[in-house]
Structure formats: structure tokens, C-alpha cells
Amino acid sequence: MAKQEGLGRPDANCAVLIPIKKSAAWWALTQDARRKIFEEHSHHNQIGMDYLPAIARRLHHCRDLSEIEPFDFLTWFEFAEKDTVEFDKLLARLRATEEWKYVEREVEVRVKR
């Protein structure tokens, strides 16, 4: 089984920050219902695992700070430029899931070193 590499690898010269806000409908679901969509319907974690070890990620939960934050999650990805196509496939797969129907707002910021 592949393992996620750490952030800050010398060859990971590309990074993407994606802040996400989910809809009120998502947060109105019970935690069990959200988990079921996340794990059983959308297979969110498995999709991410399919792109290891090339793509490293760190997720920050902003909703835990306050419900009035502009985003619920901040996700930071790092990868080598040669893995850009794979990263784009990862995003396409995530955006095609049932879970993504609950995304109300997202911003994608790409940077390269």
C-alpha cells in the first residue's frame, strides 16, 4: 500500500490550495449521513489513496474555528510538475462524486516554485 509522502519534498515544485465551502444542506445532514456519502458513495479517501505517493495533502478544518468562516476546509496539495496530469485526474474524480454536489464555493490557487 502506498504511503503519503511528507510536505516540502524537494521534487514537489507544484502546489495547489483549494478552500471549500459546503452548503447548508450538507451541514444539515447527520454526521452519519455525511460519513456515508463521504466514505461509501463518494469513496473520497480511496480516490486520494490512488494518487499516493506522488501527491501529498494536508487538510485544515475551518468550520471548527467558527461557522462564519468563508470556507469550511482548506486543502493544500504538493506534487512534482511531472505529476500535474495525475493531480488534475484526482480533482476531476473528486468533483464528480456525490459529495461534491454539496460544495457551494471553491477557489483553486496553483503555485509553482
Protein backbone atom coordinates (compact mmCIF):
# COMPACT_ATOMS: atom_id res chain seq x y z
CA MET A 1 0.00 0.00 0.00
CA ALA A 2 1.35 3.43 -0.95
CA LYS A 3 2.01 5.91 1.82
CA GLN A 4 1.66 9.67 1.64
CA GLU A 5 4.97 11.45 1.44
CA GLY A 6 5.56 14.47 3.62
CA LEU A 7 5.11 18.05 2.53
CA GLY A 8 8.13 20.08 1.50
CA ARG A 9 9.80 17.42 -0.66
CA PRO A 10 12.47 18.95 -2.92
CA ASP A 11 10.90 17.49 -6.10
CA ALA A 12 7.38 18.72 -5.20
CA ASN A 13 7.66 22.05 -7.00
CA CYS A 14 3.91 22.48 -7.61
CA ALA A 15 1.26 23.24 -5.02
CA VAL A 16 -2.46 23.86 -5.05
CA LEU A 17 -4.58 25.44 -2.34
CA ILE A 18 -8.30 24.71 -2.57
CA PRO A 19 -10.53 26.38 0.02
CA ILE A 20 -14.03 24.81 0.01
CA LYS A 21 -17.37 25.83 1.47
CA LYS A 22 -20.08 23.20 1.69
CA SER A 23 -23.77 24.05 1.56
CA ALA A 24 -26.16 24.35 4.48
CA ALA A 25 -27.80 21.15 3.17
CA TRP A 26 -24.54 19.27 3.81
CA TRP A 27 -24.28 20.52 7.37
CA ALA A 28 -27.98 19.78 7.98
CA LEU A 29 -27.27 16.08 7.38
CA THR A 30 -26.41 13.97 10.40
CA GLN A 31 -22.76 13.12 10.90
CA ASP A 32 -23.55 9.50 9.99
CA ALA A 33 -25.23 10.58 6.75
CA ARG A 34 -22.28 12.81 5.82
CA ARG A 35 -19.84 9.99 6.60
CA LYS A 36 -21.85 7.57 4.46
CA ILE A 37 -21.74 9.93 1.48
CA PHE A 38 -18.04 10.64 2.06
CA GLU A 39 -16.95 7.02 2.50
CA GLU A 40 -19.48 4.72 0.84
CA HIS A 41 -20.86 6.79 -2.03
CA SER A 42 -18.03 9.14 -2.95
CA HIS A 43 -15.07 6.97 -1.84
CA HIS A 44 -13.21 10.20 -1.08
CA ASN A 45 -10.33 8.59 0.82
CA GLN A 46 -9.85 5.79 -1.69
CA ILE A 47 -9.64 8.28 -4.55
CA GLY A 48 -6.89 10.13 -2.70
CA MET A 49 -5.05 6.88 -1.97
CA ASP A 50 -4.98 6.09 -5.69
CA TYR A 51 -2.60 9.03 -6.21
CA LEU A 52 -0.08 8.24 -3.48
CA PRO A 53 2.79 8.71 -3.04
CA ALA A 54 3.05 11.33 -5.81
CA ILE A 55 0.54 13.79 -4.36
CA ALA A 56 0.81 14.90 -0.73
CA ARG A 57 -2.05 16.68 1.00
CA ARG A 58 -2.86 18.47 4.21
CA LEU A 59 -6.43 19.31 5.21
CA HIS A 60 -7.43 22.03 7.67
CA HIS A 61 -10.98 22.14 9.07
CA CYS A 62 -12.00 25.79 9.32
CA ARG A 63 -15.56 25.14 10.45
CA ASP A 64 -14.13 24.04 13.78
CA LEU A 65 -12.96 27.63 14.27
CA SER A 66 -16.30 29.27 13.54
CA GLU A 67 -19.35 28.71 11.35
CA ILE A 68 -18.96 32.20 9.91
CA GLU A 69 -15.59 31.49 8.27
CA PRO A 70 -15.71 31.94 4.46
CA PHE A 71 -14.60 28.33 3.93
CA ASP A 72 -15.16 25.08 5.78
CA PHE A 73 -11.97 23.37 4.61
CA LEU A 74 -8.56 24.41 3.32
CA THR A 75 -6.75 21.69 1.39
CA TRP A 76 -3.10 22.05 0.41
CA PHE A 77 -1.61 19.69 -2.17
CA GLU A 78 2.04 19.32 -3.23
CA PHE A 79 3.42 17.33 -6.17
CA ALA A 80 6.15 17.34 -8.80
CA GLU A 81 5.41 19.10 -12.07
CA LYS A 82 5.57 15.74 -13.87
CA ASP A 83 2.51 14.66 -11.81
CA THR A 84 0.28 17.59 -12.82
CA VAL A 85 -1.85 15.43 -15.13
CA GLU A 86 -2.39 12.93 -12.31
CA PHE A 87 -3.34 15.74 -9.95
CA ASP A 88 -5.88 17.00 -12.49
CA LYS A 89 -7.32 13.47 -12.70
CA LEU A 90 -7.58 13.36 -8.92
CA LEU A 91 -9.52 16.63 -8.88
CA ALA A 92 -11.81 15.52 -11.71
CA ARG A 93 -12.65 12.32 -9.87
CA LEU A 94 -13.36 14.15 -6.61
CA ARG A 95 -15.50 16.76 -8.35
CA ALA A 96 -17.58 14.00 -9.99
CA THR A 97 -18.65 12.49 -6.64
CA GLU A 98 -21.95 12.78 -4.81
CA GLU A 99 -20.17 14.64 -2.02
CA TRP A 100 -19.13 17.40 -4.44
CA LYS A 101 -22.79 18.26 -5.11
CA TYR A 102 -22.71 19.86 -1.68
CA VAL A 103 -19.79 22.17 -2.49
CA GLU A 104 -21.17 25.68 -2.63
CA ARG A 105 -17.94 27.51 -3.28
CA GLU A 106 -14.35 26.67 -4.07
CA VAL A 107 -11.28 28.56 -5.15
CA GLU A 108 -8.32 26.86 -6.78
CA VAL A 109 -4.95 28.58 -6.38
CA ARG A 110 -1.98 26.99 -8.18
CA VAL A 111 1.60 27.93 -7.48
CA LYS A 112 4.89 26.67 -8.82
CA ARG A 113 8.36 27.01 -7.38
